Amino acid sequence: MNHDSLPRLGQGFHWQDLEEGQTFRTFRRTVTETDLVNFIGVTGMLEAIFIEDGYDAGAIRGRPVPGALTYALVEGFILQTMIQGTGLAMLELTQKIHGPVVVGDTIWATVKVTGIRPTSKSGRAVVDSLIEVYNQRNENVMTYTARRLLAGR
C-alpha cells in the first residue's frame, strides 16, 4: 500500500480549495487562569493588570488577559484546522481590539477569505482574510486582517 496516497487527517486548505467570500467558524475555547499565567510568564507581560488579583482595572470586570493571548488562541484554531501543512508565512497583520477578554470568557471567531492572488513561484498564493473574534455573549472583542502565503497542490 502506498501510504503517501492516503488522505492526511488535519490537512489544511490549499489555496485552490478556497474562494473569495468563503466564511468559516472556529471552535470555541474558554480562556483559563492557567492560560493567562503561562502566557504572561513566557512573554514577560508582567503588567500589574495581569498579575495582581483584584487589580483596579476600572471598567473591566474580571481578570483581563492580554489581547496578544486572545489573538494567539484564535491563530491556534486557524493553524490547527485551516492552514495546517499549507500555511507558509504570515505576511501582514492589522488588528483592532474592541473590548476586553477576561479569564472565564469563551472565545471563537469567523474567518472570511477576502482575497486570493496566485504568485508566480511554485503554485503559491497570497490569501487575505478578515478574522472577527467573539466572546460567549456574541460580542465582537477583536477584528484583524491577515495576509498569508499558502501552498498550492
Protein backbone atom coordinates (compact mmCIF):
# COMPACT_ATOMS: atom_id res chain seq x y z
CA MET A 1 0.00 0.00 0.00
CA ASN A 2 1.26 3.47 -0.88
CA HIS A 3 0.72 5.45 2.33
CA ASP A 4 1.52 8.75 0.58
CA SER A 5 -1.74 8.47 -1.36
CA LEU A 6 -3.91 8.31 1.78
CA PRO A 7 -5.75 11.49 2.83
CA ARG A 8 -3.97 13.24 5.71
CA LEU A 9 -6.12 13.95 8.77
CA GLY A 10 -5.99 17.60 9.81
CA GLN A 11 -4.57 18.80 6.49
CA GLY A 12 -5.26 22.49 5.90
CA PHE A 13 -6.68 24.04 2.76
CA HIS A 14 -4.53 24.59 -0.30
CA TRP A 15 -5.25 27.99 -1.79
CA GLN A 16 -7.10 26.36 -4.71
CA ASP A 17 -9.64 24.96 -2.21
CA LEU A 18 -10.65 28.46 -1.07
CA GLU A 19 -12.94 31.03 -2.67
CA GLU A 20 -13.19 34.75 -2.07
CA GLY A 21 -16.15 35.39 0.25
CA GLN A 22 -15.99 31.93 1.81
CA THR A 23 -16.51 32.15 5.59
CA PHE A 24 -15.68 29.66 8.34
CA ARG A 25 -16.40 29.48 12.08
CA THR A 26 -13.80 28.20 14.55
CA PHE A 27 -14.33 26.04 17.58
CA ARG A 28 -14.90 27.78 20.92
CA ARG A 29 -12.42 27.86 23.81
CA THR A 30 -12.68 29.08 27.38
CA VAL A 31 -9.70 31.17 28.49
CA THR A 32 -8.36 29.89 31.81
CA GLU A 33 -6.22 31.29 34.60
CA THR A 34 -3.55 28.79 33.55
CA ASP A 35 -3.60 30.21 30.01
CA LEU A 36 -3.06 33.71 31.43
CA VAL A 37 -0.27 32.70 33.83
CA ASN A 38 1.59 30.65 31.21
CA PHE A 39 1.28 33.34 28.53
CA ILE A 40 2.45 36.26 30.67
CA GLY A 41 5.25 34.13 32.06
CA VAL A 42 6.63 33.11 28.68
CA THR A 43 6.22 36.57 27.11
CA GLY A 44 7.26 38.69 30.10
CA MET A 45 3.98 40.65 30.00
CA LEU A 46 4.08 41.02 33.77
CA GLU A 47 1.90 44.12 33.91
CA ALA A 48 0.00 44.68 37.18
CA ILE A 49 -3.38 44.35 35.47
CA PHE A 50 -2.47 40.76 34.52
CA ILE A 51 -0.59 39.58 37.63
CA GLU A 52 -2.38 41.25 40.54
CA ASP A 53 -5.62 39.58 41.61
CA GLY A 54 -8.16 42.29 42.31
CA TYR A 55 -6.17 44.99 40.48
CA ASP A 56 -8.36 48.05 39.96
CA ALA A 57 -8.85 47.79 36.21
CA GLY A 58 -11.53 50.44 36.18
CA ALA A 59 -14.39 49.43 33.90
CA ILE A 60 -13.09 45.89 33.29
CA ARG A 61 -14.83 43.31 35.47
CA GLY A 62 -12.88 40.09 35.95
CA ARG A 63 -9.29 39.16 35.30
CA PRO A 64 -8.29 40.66 31.91
CA VAL A 65 -5.97 38.81 29.55
CA PRO A 66 -3.57 40.43 27.04
CA GLY A 67 -5.02 41.00 23.57
CA ALA A 68 -1.99 39.12 22.29
CA LEU A 69 -3.22 36.00 24.14
CA THR A 70 -6.66 36.28 22.56
CA TYR A 71 -5.05 36.65 19.13
CA ALA A 72 -2.68 33.71 19.75
CA LEU A 73 -5.53 31.39 20.79
CA VAL A 74 -7.53 32.23 17.66
CA GLU A 75 -4.45 31.80 15.46
CA GLY A 76 -4.06 28.37 17.08
CA PHE A 77 -7.57 27.46 15.91
CA ILE A 78 -6.73 28.64 12.39
CA LEU A 79 -3.37 26.90 12.29
CA GLN A 80 -4.71 23.58 13.56
CA THR A 81 -7.60 23.47 11.11
CA MET A 82 -7.39 25.81 8.13
CA ILE A 83 -3.67 26.11 7.32
CA GLN A 84 -2.03 23.06 8.92
CA GLY A 85 0.63 21.89 6.48
CA THR A 86 -0.28 24.51 3.87
CA GLY A 87 0.44 27.81 5.61
CA LEU A 88 3.87 29.03 4.55
CA ALA A 89 4.12 32.52 6.09
CA MET A 90 2.22 35.32 7.83
CA LEU A 91 2.96 38.33 5.63
CA GLU A 92 0.91 41.12 7.20
CA LEU A 93 -1.44 41.65 10.13
CA THR A 94 -3.64 44.57 11.14
CA GLN A 95 -5.51 44.30 14.42
CA LYS A 96 -8.13 46.23 16.36
CA ILE A 97 -9.29 45.36 19.87
CA HIS A 98 -12.93 46.26 20.56
CA GLY A 99 -13.34 45.00 24.11
CA PRO A 100 -11.67 43.07 26.90
CA VAL A 101 -11.41 39.31 27.24
CA VAL A 102 -11.22 38.05 30.81
CA VAL A 103 -10.44 34.70 32.41
CA GLY A 104 -13.56 32.57 32.05
CA ASP A 105 -14.64 34.08 28.72
CA THR A 106 -15.22 31.66 25.86
CA ILE A 107 -13.87 32.95 22.56
CA TRP A 108 -14.41 31.91 18.95
CA ALA A 109 -14.02 33.53 15.55
CA THR A 110 -15.20 33.77 11.99
CA VAL A 111 -12.67 33.71 9.16
CA LYS A 112 -13.70 35.26 5.84
CA VAL A 113 -11.49 34.87 2.76
CA THR A 114 -11.26 38.37 1.25
CA GLY A 115 -8.68 37.87 -1.48
CA ILE A 116 -6.61 35.24 -3.30
CA ARG A 117 -3.68 36.21 -5.53
CA PRO A 118 -1.62 33.40 -7.05
CA THR A 119 2.12 34.08 -7.18
CA SER A 120 4.49 33.23 -9.97
CA LYS A 121 6.53 30.91 -7.73
CA SER A 122 5.72 27.24 -7.09
CA GLY A 123 1.94 27.48 -7.28
CA ARG A 124 1.68 29.52 -4.10
CA ALA A 125 -0.85 32.27 -3.43
CA VAL A 126 -1.26 35.26 -1.13
CA VAL A 127 -4.54 34.81 0.75
CA ASP A 128 -6.19 37.67 2.63
CA SER A 129 -8.74 37.11 5.35
CA LEU A 130 -10.85 39.01 7.84
CA ILE A 131 -10.99 37.44 11.29
CA GLU A 132 -13.65 38.55 13.77
CA VAL A 133 -13.33 37.30 17.35
CA TYR A 134 -16.34 36.99 19.65
CA ASN A 135 -16.98 36.08 23.28
CA GLN A 136 -19.72 33.86 24.71
CA ARG A 137 -22.17 36.80 24.57
CA ASN A 138 -21.51 37.14 20.81
CA GLU A 139 -19.78 40.49 21.43
CA ASN A 140 -17.09 41.31 18.88
CA VAL A 141 -13.94 41.72 21.00
CA MET A 142 -11.31 41.81 18.25
CA THR A 143 -11.05 42.18 14.49
CA TYR A 144 -7.96 41.60 12.42
CA THR A 145 -6.95 41.11 8.84
CA ALA A 146 -4.28 38.63 7.89
CA ARG A 147 -2.28 38.22 4.70
CA ARG A 148 -0.72 34.76 4.44
CA LEU A 149 1.26 32.81 1.91
CA LEU A 150 -0.41 29.44 1.27
CA ALA A 151 0.82 26.41 -0.62
CA GLY A 152 -0.93 25.03 -3.65
CA ARG A 153 -1.49 21.49 -4.74
